[in-house]
Every structure is written in structure tokens, then in C-alpha cells.
PDB file of N, CA and C in Angstrom:
ATOM      1  N   MET A   1     119.275 147.037  53.850  1.00  0.00           N
ATOM      2  CA  MET A   1     118.505 147.777  52.636  1.00  0.00           C
ATOM      3  C   MET A   1     118.858 146.674  51.419  1.00  0.00           C
ATOM      4  N   LYS A   2     120.256 147.120  51.102  1.00  0.00           N
ATOM      5  CA  LYS A   2     120.226 146.695  50.182  1.00  0.00           C
ATOM      6  C   LYS A   2     120.695 144.602  50.090  1.00  0.00           C
ATOM      7  N   HIS A   3     121.087 144.705  51.123  1.00  0.00           N
ATOM      8  CA  HIS A   3     121.811 143.339  51.299  1.00  0.00           C
ATOM      9  C   HIS A   3     120.273 142.232  51.737  1.00  0.00           C
ATOM     10  N   PHE A   4     118.917 142.902  51.913  1.00  0.00           N
ATOM     11  CA  PHE A   4     117.734 142.388  51.856  1.00  0.00           C
ATOM     12  C   PHE A   4     117.335 142.497  50.595  1.00  0.00           C
ATOM     13  N   ILE A   5     117.580 142.903  49.790  1.00  0.00           N
ATOM     14  CA  ILE A   5     117.140 142.487  48.046  1.00  0.00           C
ATOM     15  C   ILE A   5     117.894 141.988  47.336  1.00  0.00           C
ATOM     16  N   SER A   6     119.322 141.878  47.761  1.00  0.00           N
ATOM     17  CA  SER A   6     119.826 141.163  46.818  1.00  0.00           C
ATOM     18  C   SER A   6     120.064 139.780  47.449  1.00  0.00           C
ATOM     19  N   PHE A   7     119.031 139.505  48.705  1.00  0.00           N
ATOM     20  CA  PHE A   7     118.430 137.935  48.751  1.00  0.00           C
ATOM     21  C   PHE A   7     117.577 137.388  48.641  1.00  0.00           C
ATOM     22  N   LEU A   8     116.013 138.589  47.919  1.00  0.00           N
ATOM     23  CA  LEU A   8     115.083 138.371  47.372  1.00  0.00           C
ATOM     24  C   LEU A   8     115.289 137.404  46.440  1.00  0.00           C
ATOM     25  N   PRO A   9     115.933 136.966  45.485  1.00  0.00           N
ATOM     26  CA  PRO A   9     116.022 136.081  44.602  1.00  0.00           C
ATOM     27  C   PRO A   9     116.428 135.314  44.981  1.00  0.00           C
ATOM     28  N   PHE A  10     117.265 134.501  45.560  1.00  0.00           N
ATOM     29  CA  PHE A  10     117.561 133.494  45.763  1.00  0.00           C
ATOM     30  C   PHE A  10     115.938 132.610  46.705  1.00  0.00           C
ATOM     31  N   PHE A  11     115.617 133.804  48.081  1.00  0.00           N
ATOM     32  CA  PHE A  11     114.374 133.318  48.350  1.00  0.00           C
ATOM     33  C   PHE A  11     113.689 132.631  47.565  1.00  0.00           C
ATOM     34  N   PHE A  12     113.251 133.547  46.423  1.00  0.00           N
ATOM     35  CA  PHE A  12     111.856 133.103  46.501  1.00  0.00           C
ATOM     36  C   PHE A  12     112.429 131.808  45.189  1.00  0.00           C
ATOM     37  N   MET A  13     113.744 131.810  44.380  1.00  0.00           N
ATOM     38  CA  MET A  13     113.717 130.805  44.020  1.00  0.00           C
ATOM     39  C   MET A  13     113.741 129.503  44.674  1.00  0.00           C
ATOM     40  N   SER A  14     114.121 129.465  45.772  1.00  0.00           N
ATOM     41  CA  SER A  14     114.224 128.522  46.640  1.00  0.00           C
ATOM     42  C   SER A  14     112.519 128.198  46.476  1.00  0.00           C
ATOM     43  N   ILE A  15     111.610 129.328  47.174  1.00  0.00           N
ATOM     44  CA  ILE A  15     110.457 128.584  47.184  1.00  0.00           C
ATOM     45  C   ILE A  15     109.672 127.523  46.106  1.00  0.00           C
ATOM     46  N   LEU A  16     109.653 129.032  44.752  1.00  0.00           N
ATOM     47  CA  LEU A  16     109.843 128.189  43.109  1.00  0.00           C
ATOM     48  C   LEU A  16     110.376 126.240  43.565  1.00  0.00           C
ATOM     49  N   SER A  17     111.683 125.613  43.945  1.00  0.00           N
ATOM     50  CA  SER A  17     111.886 125.018  43.523  1.00  0.00           C
ATOM     51  C   SER A  17     110.857 123.982  43.989  1.00  0.00           C
ATOM     52  N   LEU A  18     111.397 124.113  45.571  1.00  0.00           N
ATOM     53  CA  LEU A  18     110.615 123.128  46.378  1.00  0.00           C
ATOM     54  C   LEU A  18     109.332 123.143  46.248  1.00  0.00           C
ATOM     55  N   SER A  19     108.095 124.090  45.084  1.00  0.00           N
ATOM     56  CA  SER A  19     106.674 123.894  45.256  1.00  0.00           C
ATOM     57  C   SER A  19     107.213 122.872  43.542  1.00  0.00           C
ATOM     58  N   CYS A  20     108.141 122.467  42.380  1.00  0.00           N
ATOM     59  CA  CYS A  20     108.026 122.073  41.759  1.00  0.00           C
ATOM     60  C   CYS A  20     108.328 120.775  41.816  1.00  0.00           C
ATOM     61  N   SER A  21     108.935 119.851  43.512  1.00  0.00           N
ATOM     62  CA  SER A  21     109.411 118.900  43.203  1.00  0.00           C
ATOM     63  C   SER A  21     107.975 117.775  43.546  1.00  0.00           C
ATOM     64  N   ASN A  22     109.338 116.808  42.598  1.00  0.00           N
ATOM     65  CA  ASN A  22     108.389 115.771  42.241  1.00  0.00           C
ATOM     66  C   ASN A  22     108.079 114.252  43.335  1.00  0.00           C
ATOM     67  N   LYS A  23     108.792 114.670  44.821  1.00  0.00           N
ATOM     68  CA  LYS A  23     108.368 113.919  45.649  1.00  0.00           C
ATOM     69  C   LYS A  23     106.688 113.157  45.819  1.00  0.00           C
ATOM     70  N   PRO A  24     106.567 113.554  45.640  1.00  0.00           N
ATOM     71  CA  PRO A  24     104.640 112.338  45.347  1.00  0.00           C
ATOM     72  C   PRO A  24     104.252 112.267  44.879  1.00  0.00           C
ATOM     73  N   ALA A  25     104.966 112.419  43.149  1.00  0.00           N
ATOM     74  CA  ALA A  25     104.782 111.157  41.906  1.00  0.00           C
ATOM     75  C   ALA A  25     105.490 109.973  42.198  1.00  0.00           C
ATOM     76  N   GLU A  26     106.422 110.546  43.034  1.00  0.00           N
ATOM     77  CA  GLU A  26     107.706 108.907  43.092  1.00  0.00           C
ATOM     78  C   GLU A  26     107.260 108.350  44.422  1.00  0.00           C
ATOM     79  N   LYS A  27     106.182 108.835  44.744  1.00  0.00           N
ATOM     80  CA  LYS A  27     105.366 108.281  46.150  1.00  0.00           C
ATOM     81  C   LYS A  27     104.529 107.390  45.884  1.00  0.00           C
ATOM     82  N   GLU A  28     103.794 107.880  44.847  1.00  0.00           N
ATOM     83  CA  GLU A  28     102.627 107.005  43.919  1.00  0.00           C
ATOM     84  C   GLU A  28     102.479 105.845  43.352  1.00  0.00           C
ATOM     85  N   MET A  29     104.569 106.063  42.550  1.00  0.00           N
ATOM     86  CA  MET A  29     104.740 104.669  41.547  1.00  0.00           C
ATOM     87  C   MET A  29     105.322 104.102  42.337  1.00  0.00           C
ATOM     88  N   LYS A  30     104.599 103.086  43.331  1.00  0.00           N
ATOM     89  CA  LYS A  30     105.828 102.075  43.716  1.00  0.00           C
ATOM     90  C   LYS A  30     105.373 100.330  43.058  1.00  0.00           C
ATOM     91  N   MET A  31     103.797 100.273  42.424  1.00  0.00           N
ATOM     92  CA  MET A  31     104.499  99.202  41.461  1.00  0.00           C
ATOM     93  C   MET A  31     104.764  98.989  39.919  1.00  0.00           C
ATOM     94  N   PRO A  32     106.114  98.313  39.523  1.00  0.00           N
ATOM     95  CA  PRO A  32     106.574  98.384  38.663  1.00  0.00           C
ATOM     96  C   PRO A  32     105.623  97.890  37.544  1.00  0.00           C
ATOM     97  N   MET A  33     105.561  98.764  36.263  1.00  0.00           N
ATOM     98  CA  MET A  33     104.373  98.996  35.734  1.00  0.00           C
ATOM     99  C   MET A  33     104.967  97.747  33.930  1.00  0.00           C
ATOM    100  N   LEU A  34     106.801  97.954  34.060  1.00  0.00           N
ATOM    101  CA  LEU A  34     106.803  97.105  32.814  1.00  0.00           C
ATOM    102  C   LEU A  34     107.917  96.260  33.470  1.00  0.00           C
ATOM    103  N   PHE A  35     107.612  94.514  32.636  1.00  0.00           N
ATOM    104  CA  PHE A  35     108.226  93.352  33.253  1.00  0.00           C
ATOM    105  C   PHE A  35     109.255  93.265  31.594  1.00  0.00           C
ATOM    106  N   ASP A  36     109.667  91.888  32.015  1.00  0.00           N
ATOM    107  CA  ASP A  36     110.748  91.183  31.183  1.00  0.00           C
ATOM    108  C   ASP A  36     110.107  90.890  30.202  1.00  0.00           C
ATOM    109  N   THR A  37     108.447  89.477  30.699  1.00  0.00           N
ATOM    110  CA  THR A  37     108.423  88.986  29.994  1.00  0.00           C
ATOM    111  C   THR A  37     106.640  88.723  30.175  1.00  0.00           C
ATOM    112  N   LYS A  38     106.049  87.609  29.336  1.00  0.00           N
ATOM    113  CA  LYS A  38     104.694  88.433  29.424  1.00  0.00           C
ATOM    114  C   LYS A  38     103.636  87.315  30.613  1.00  0.00           C
ATOM    115  N   GLU A  39     104.046  86.508  30.931  1.00  0.00           N
ATOM    116  CA  GLU A  39     103.648  86.208  32.278  1.00  0.00           C
ATOM    117  C   GLU A  39     103.796  86.686  34.054  1.00  0.00           C
ATOM    118  N   GLN A  40     105.092  87.461  33.296  1.00  0.00           N
ATOM    119  CA  GLN A  40     105.195  88.287  34.727  1.00  0.00           C
ATOM    120  C   GLN A  40     104.139  88.976  34.605  1.00  0.00           C
ATOM    121  N   ALA A  41     103.937  89.918  33.478  1.00  0.00           N
ATOM    122  CA  ALA A  41     102.868  90.615  33.563  1.00  0.00           C
ATOM    123  C   ALA A  41     101.698  90.806  33.670  1.00  0.00           C
ATOM    124  N   GLU A  42     101.461  89.725  32.995  1.00  0.00           N
ATOM    125  CA  GLU A  42     100.054  88.287  33.293  1.00  0.00           C
ATOM    126  C   GLU A  42      99.597  88.466  35.270  1.00  0.00           C
ATOM    127  N   LYS A  43     100.101  88.515  35.284  1.00  0.00           N
ATOM    128  CA  LYS A  43     100.202  87.906  37.133  1.00  0.00           C
ATOM    129  C   LYS A  43     100.019  89.071  37.603  1.00  0.00           C
ATOM    130  N   GLU A  44     101.000  89.999  37.161  1.00  0.00           N
ATOM    131  CA  GLU A  44     100.346  91.221  38.147  1.00  0.00           C
ATOM    132  C   GLU A  44      98.918  92.419  37.660  1.00  0.00           C
ATOM    133  N   ALA A  45      98.337  91.631  36.679  1.00  0.00           N
ATOM    134  CA  ALA A  45      97.870  92.084  36.089  1.00  0.00           C
ATOM    135  C   ALA A  45      96.442  92.313  37.129  1.00  0.00           C
ATOM    136  N   TYR A  46      96.169  91.513  38.129  1.00  0.00           N
ATOM    137  CA  TYR A  46      95.087  92.059  39.318  1.00  0.00           C
ATOM    138  C   TYR A  46      95.389  93.053  39.822  1.00  0.00           C
ATOM    139  N   LYS A  47      96.557  93.235  40.303  1.00  0.00           N
ATOM    140  CA  LYS A  47      96.839  94.598  40.749  1.00  0.00           C
ATOM    141  C   LYS A  47      96.379  95.926  40.506  1.00  0.00           C
ATOM    142  N   PHE A  48      95.965  96.225  38.832  1.00  0.00           N
ATOM    143  CA  PHE A  48      95.581  96.682  37.955  1.00  0.00           C
ATOM    144  C   PHE A  48      94.076  96.907  37.601  1.00  0.00           C
ATOM    145  N   ASP A  49      93.464  96.041  37.968  1.00  0.00           N
ATOM    146  CA  ASP A  49      92.977  95.486  38.071  1.00  0.00           C
ATOM    147  C   ASP A  49      91.968  95.192  36.276  1.00  0.00           C
ATOM    148  N   CYS A  50      92.625  94.369  35.943  1.00  0.00           N
ATOM    149  CA  CYS A  50      92.411  94.176  34.998  1.00  0.00           C
ATOM    150  C   CYS A  50      93.294  92.395  34.609  1.00  0.00           C
ATOM    151  N   GLU A  51      92.728  91.832  33.322  1.00  0.00           N
ATOM    152  CA  GLU A  51      93.234  90.838  32.537  1.00  0.00           C
ATOM    153  C   GLU A  51      94.405  90.427  31.979  1.00  0.00           C
ATOM    154  N   GLY A  52      94.980  89.938  31.426  1.00  0.00           N
ATOM    155  CA  GLY A  52      95.912  90.162  30.383  1.00  0.00           C
ATOM    156  C   GLY A  52      97.548  90.719  30.380  1.00  0.00           C
ATOM    157  N   ALA A  53      98.174  90.941  29.214  1.00  0.00           N
ATOM    158  CA  ALA A  53      99.554  92.074  28.951  1.00  0.00           C
ATOM    159  C   ALA A  53      99.423  92.782  27.960  1.00  0.00           C
ATOM    160  N   HIS A  54      99.958  93.295  26.975  1.00  0.00           N
ATOM    161  CA  HIS A  54     100.149  93.992  25.712  1.00  0.00           C
ATOM    162  C   HIS A  54     101.488  94.228  26.461  1.00  0.00           C
ATOM    163  N   GLN A  55     102.004  94.189  24.983  1.00  0.00           N
ATOM    164  CA  GLN A  55     103.625  93.902  24.583  1.00  0.00           C
ATOM    165  C   GLN A  55     104.774  96.092  24.204  1.00  0.00           C
ATOM    166  N   MET A  56     105.034  95.861  24.795  1.00  0.00           N
ATOM    167  CA  MET A  56     105.257  97.710  25.093  1.00  0.00           C
ATOM    168  C   MET A  56     106.557  97.735  24.943  1.00  0.00           C
ATOM    169  N   GLY A  57     106.941  98.021  23.177  1.00  0.00           N
ATOM    170  CA  GLY A  57     108.811  97.949  22.951  1.00  0.00           C
ATOM    171  C   GLY A  57     109.390  95.951  23.210  1.00  0.00           C
ATOM    172  N   ASP A  58     110.338  96.157  24.277  1.00  0.00           N
ATOM    173  CA  ASP A  58     110.510  94.962  24.035  1.00  0.00           C
ATOM    174  C   ASP A  58     109.904  94.123  25.971  1.00  0.00           C
ATOM    175  N   LYS A  59     109.452  94.856  26.254  1.00  0.00           N
ATOM    176  CA  LYS A  59     108.894  95.025  27.667  1.00  0.00           C
ATOM    177  C   LYS A  59     107.521  94.167  27.750  1.00  0.00           C
ATOM    178  N   TRP A  60     106.719  94.018  28.304  1.00  0.00           N
ATOM    179  CA  TRP A  60     105.800  93.746  28.750  1.00  0.00           C
ATOM    180  C   TRP A  60     105.076  93.913  30.159  1.00  0.00           C
ATOM    181  N   MET A  61     103.375  95.212  29.738  1.00  0.00           N
ATOM    182  CA  MET A  61     102.914  95.200  30.719  1.00  0.00           C
ATOM    183  C   MET A  61     101.629  94.657  30.805  1.00  0.00           C
ATOM    184  N   PRO A  62     100.758  94.952  31.830  1.00  0.00           N
ATOM    185  CA  PRO A  62      99.947  94.261  32.285  1.00  0.00           C
ATOM    186  C   PRO A  62      98.276  94.667  31.845  1.00  0.00           C
ATOM    187  N   CYS A  63      97.255  94.169  31.814  1.00  0.00           N
ATOM    188  CA  CYS A  63      95.914  95.004  31.272  1.00  0.00           C
ATOM    189  C   CYS A  63      96.295  94.107  29.614  1.00  0.00           C
ATOM    190  N   SER A  64      95.158  93.649  28.893  1.00  0.00           N
ATOM    191  CA  SER A  64      95.508  93.396  27.729  1.00  0.00           C
ATOM    192  C   SER A  64      95.282  94.459  26.802  1.00  0.00           C
ATOM    193  N   LYS A  65      95.011  95.786  26.812  1.00  0.00           N
ATOM    194  CA  LYS A  65      95.282  97.005  26.375  1.00  0.00           C
ATOM    195  C   LYS A  65      95.626  98.267  26.871  1.00  0.00           C
ATOM    196  N   HIS A  66      95.999  99.136  26.070  1.00  0.00           N
ATOM    197  CA  HIS A  66      96.987  99.758  27.201  1.00  0.00           C
ATOM    198  C   HIS A  66      96.345 101.009  27.044  1.00  0.00           C
ATOM    199  N   GLU A  67      95.219 101.830  26.755  1.00  0.00           N
ATOM    200  CA  GLU A  67      93.986 101.746  27.568  1.00  0.00           C
ATOM    201  C   GLU A  67      93.612 101.900  28.518  1.00  0.00           C
ATOM    202  N   HIS A  68      93.813 101.357  29.318  1.00  0.00           N
ATOM    203  CA  HIS A  68      93.205 100.730  30.187  1.00  0.00           C
ATOM    204  C   HIS A  68      94.176 101.184  31.673  1.00  0.00           C
ATOM    205  N   ASN A  69      93.321 101.854  32.772  1.00  0.00           N
ATOM    206  CA  ASN A  69      93.790 103.189  33.178  1.00  0.00           C
ATOM    207  C   ASN A  69      95.108 102.351  34.561  1.00  0.00           C
ATOM    208  N   HIS A  70      96.358 102.497  34.135  1.00  0.00           N
ATOM    209  CA  HIS A  70      96.970 101.711  35.021  1.00  0.00           C
ATOM    210  C   HIS A  70      98.187 102.865  34.679  1.00  0.00           C
TER     211      HIS A  70
END
């Protein structure tokens, strides 16, 4: 029984770490959202159901406004 009790914390930590995995989120993000040029971002905007591009730091994102749901 003593060995079983010492095993429980490891068992529960394993279960918790599996439930906190971010693997599904990685699968959802297959399209790049940041581009080096405005032209590249504009070309990919149709994939986000929008037009144009906007600057984000030194990169470019599809859609004329950041508020668009991408």
C-alpha cells in the first residue's frame, strides 16, 4: 500500500500534463499569418476572407484591419 500511495502523485501529474497539451492548437495554425512584404500578405488575404494587408511591427498581416477575425 505504501508504494501505491507514492505512485499517486506521479499518476495525477501525468494526467494533468496530458490535459494541458497544446497539440490541437498547433494543428489549427497551419497558415502563416505574418509575412515579410505587404504584397505577400495581400496575396494571402483571400484565405482569411478579407482584402488588403496591415503592418504589425516589421511584418505584414492579411486583412486591411487587425480587428478582422484571423
